[in-house]
Structure formats: structure tokens, C-alpha cells
Protein backbone atom coordinates (compact mmCIF):
# COMPACT_ATOMS: atom_id res chain seq x y z
CA TRP A 1 59.66 33.93 102.18
CA TYR A 2 60.52 34.48 98.50
CA GLN A 3 57.42 32.67 97.22
CA ARG A 4 55.21 34.53 99.65
CA ARG A 5 56.56 37.90 98.56
CA VAL A 6 56.14 37.00 94.89
CA ARG A 7 52.59 35.84 95.58
CA GLU A 8 51.78 39.30 96.85
CA ALA A 9 53.52 41.57 94.39
CA VAL A 10 54.73 42.15 90.86
CA VAL A 11 58.22 43.52 91.24
CA SER A 12 60.02 45.69 88.76
CA THR A 13 62.75 44.11 86.66
CA GLN A 14 63.95 47.57 85.58
CA SER A 15 64.21 49.21 89.01
CA THR A 16 63.79 48.31 92.63
CA GLY A 17 60.43 48.34 94.30
CA ILE A 18 56.94 46.90 94.12
CA LEU A 19 54.80 47.94 91.15
CA HIS A 20 51.55 46.30 92.21
CA LYS A 21 50.38 43.77 94.77
CA MET A 22 48.38 40.81 93.51
CA ALA A 23 46.35 38.23 95.40
CA ALA A 24 45.95 34.53 94.67
CA LYS A 25 43.17 32.25 95.91
CA SER A 26 45.71 29.56 96.80
CA PRO A 27 49.48 29.58 97.46
CA VAL A 28 51.79 30.40 94.58
CA ARG A 29 54.25 27.56 93.95
CA SER A 30 56.47 28.97 91.20
CA CYS A 31 56.83 32.08 89.08
CA GLY A 32 58.97 33.60 86.38
CA TYR A 33 59.31 36.41 83.88
CA SER A 34 59.62 35.74 80.15
CA LEU A 35 62.87 36.44 78.32
CA THR A 36 61.66 39.94 77.37
CA ASN A 37 60.24 40.54 80.88
CA ASP A 38 56.86 41.31 79.27
CA ILE A 39 55.00 38.19 80.44
CA LEU A 40 54.70 37.05 84.04
CA CYS A 41 53.76 33.44 84.66
CA PHE A 42 52.99 31.85 88.00
CA THR A 43 51.50 28.60 89.18
CA THR A 44 49.13 28.09 92.10
CA ASP A 45 48.71 25.07 94.32
CA LYS A 46 45.70 22.81 94.43
CA ALA A 47 44.61 23.89 97.89
CA MET A 48 41.81 25.58 99.80
CA SER A 49 39.17 24.09 97.42
CA GLN A 50 40.95 25.70 94.44
CA PRO A 51 42.40 23.80 91.47
CA CYS A 52 46.00 24.17 90.33
CA PHE A 53 46.41 26.90 87.69
CA ILE A 54 49.13 28.25 85.42
CA LYS A 55 48.44 31.98 84.94
CA PHE A 56 49.90 34.39 82.38
CA TYR A 57 49.88 38.19 82.62
CA ASP A 58 51.08 40.63 79.96
CA LEU A 59 52.79 43.32 82.02
CA ARG A 60 52.47 45.82 79.17
CA ASP A 61 48.70 45.73 79.74
CA LYS A 62 48.32 47.45 83.11
CA GLU A 63 44.64 46.51 83.30
CA GLN A 64 45.51 42.80 83.62
CA VAL A 65 47.70 43.50 86.62
CA VAL A 66 45.40 46.02 88.30
CA THR A 67 42.29 43.80 87.98
CA ASN A 68 44.24 40.57 88.54
CA SER A 69 42.85 39.20 85.26
CA PRO A 70 45.35 37.01 83.39
CA PHE A 71 45.10 36.85 79.61
CA ARG A 72 45.48 33.08 79.85
CA ASP A 73 45.03 30.61 82.64
CA ILE A 74 45.43 26.87 82.28
CA GLN A 75 43.75 24.62 84.81
CA VAL A 76 45.88 21.59 85.70
CA ASP A 77 43.77 18.72 86.99
CA ASP A 78 46.15 15.74 86.91
CA SER A 79 48.87 16.68 89.40
CA LYS A 80 49.83 20.01 90.91
CA VAL A 81 52.73 21.94 89.44
CA ASN A 82 55.82 22.08 91.67
CA ARG A 83 58.14 24.02 89.35
CA MET A 84 57.84 26.11 86.20
CA ILE A 85 60.45 27.59 83.85
CA TRP A 86 60.20 29.36 80.52
CA GLY A 87 61.20 27.38 77.43
CA THR A 88 63.15 28.58 74.42
CA VAL A 89 62.42 32.16 73.33
CA GLU A 90 59.12 32.41 75.27
CA ASP A 91 57.33 29.84 73.09
CA TYR A 92 56.24 27.67 76.01
CA VAL A 93 56.63 26.93 79.70
CA ILE A 94 57.94 23.68 81.12
CA THR A 95 56.44 22.37 84.34
CA GLY A 96 57.48 19.71 86.82
CA HIS A 97 54.59 18.03 88.65
CA GLU A 98 54.11 16.38 92.02
CA ASN A 99 53.60 12.97 90.36
CA GLY A 100 56.96 13.18 88.52
CA GLN A 101 55.61 14.29 85.11
CA ILE A 102 57.34 16.96 83.07
CA CYS A 103 54.98 18.84 80.76
CA GLN A 104 55.27 21.58 78.15
CA TYR A 105 52.47 24.15 77.72
CA ASP A 106 52.04 26.48 74.76
CA TRP A 107 50.78 29.66 76.39
CA LYS A 108 49.93 31.32 73.06
CA SER A 109 47.11 28.95 72.11
């Protein structure tokens, strides 16, 4: 239930309630806000003829959220991402994959 709700909406970290609903072309596997709550990251499954992606949205830019246009998306071809957490001070995200790999992605470059 939690993943499904997150797949459909960006929720406020400052107050209760849904700010905007978002759609994904395949199920969302994991998600998280950056330390400052400015960047939302979520991962999608490799399913329904869609590749696995790691997507980043800057929540200060309302246009990205409204148009569902991330400022960065990373296609993951090797093995789908099962889990994602933010690394130290928002410099990178760490992902755990279906095949047992642990990877680190620099979202800024």
C-alpha cells in the first residue's frame, strides 16, 4: 500500500496532505527525499515493456512535478533496483539490485 500511494503522489514533508499526484509507466519500487527535502528520488521496475529508471525531481521547481519531467533520469539496464537510499549529504544515492549488486550513483552529473 505504501509504495502504491507514493507512486501516485508527492506528499508534503512540511504539512499533511497530497501536493500533486504523479504517474509512472511501471511500478515504483523505492523512493526517498533528500536530506533537505528538496529532491525526490524514486526507482521504477523493469516491467510492462519499460526499463528500470532512477528518477530525480527538484521539488522547488513546480514545473518538474506538474509535467512529470525529472531533471535527471538514469536508465538501469543490468538488474532492476530493489532499494534506494540517499548517501552522505545528498551527494549520491545508493541502490541495491535484484542480482545482489550495490551501486552508488552521482545524481549531479
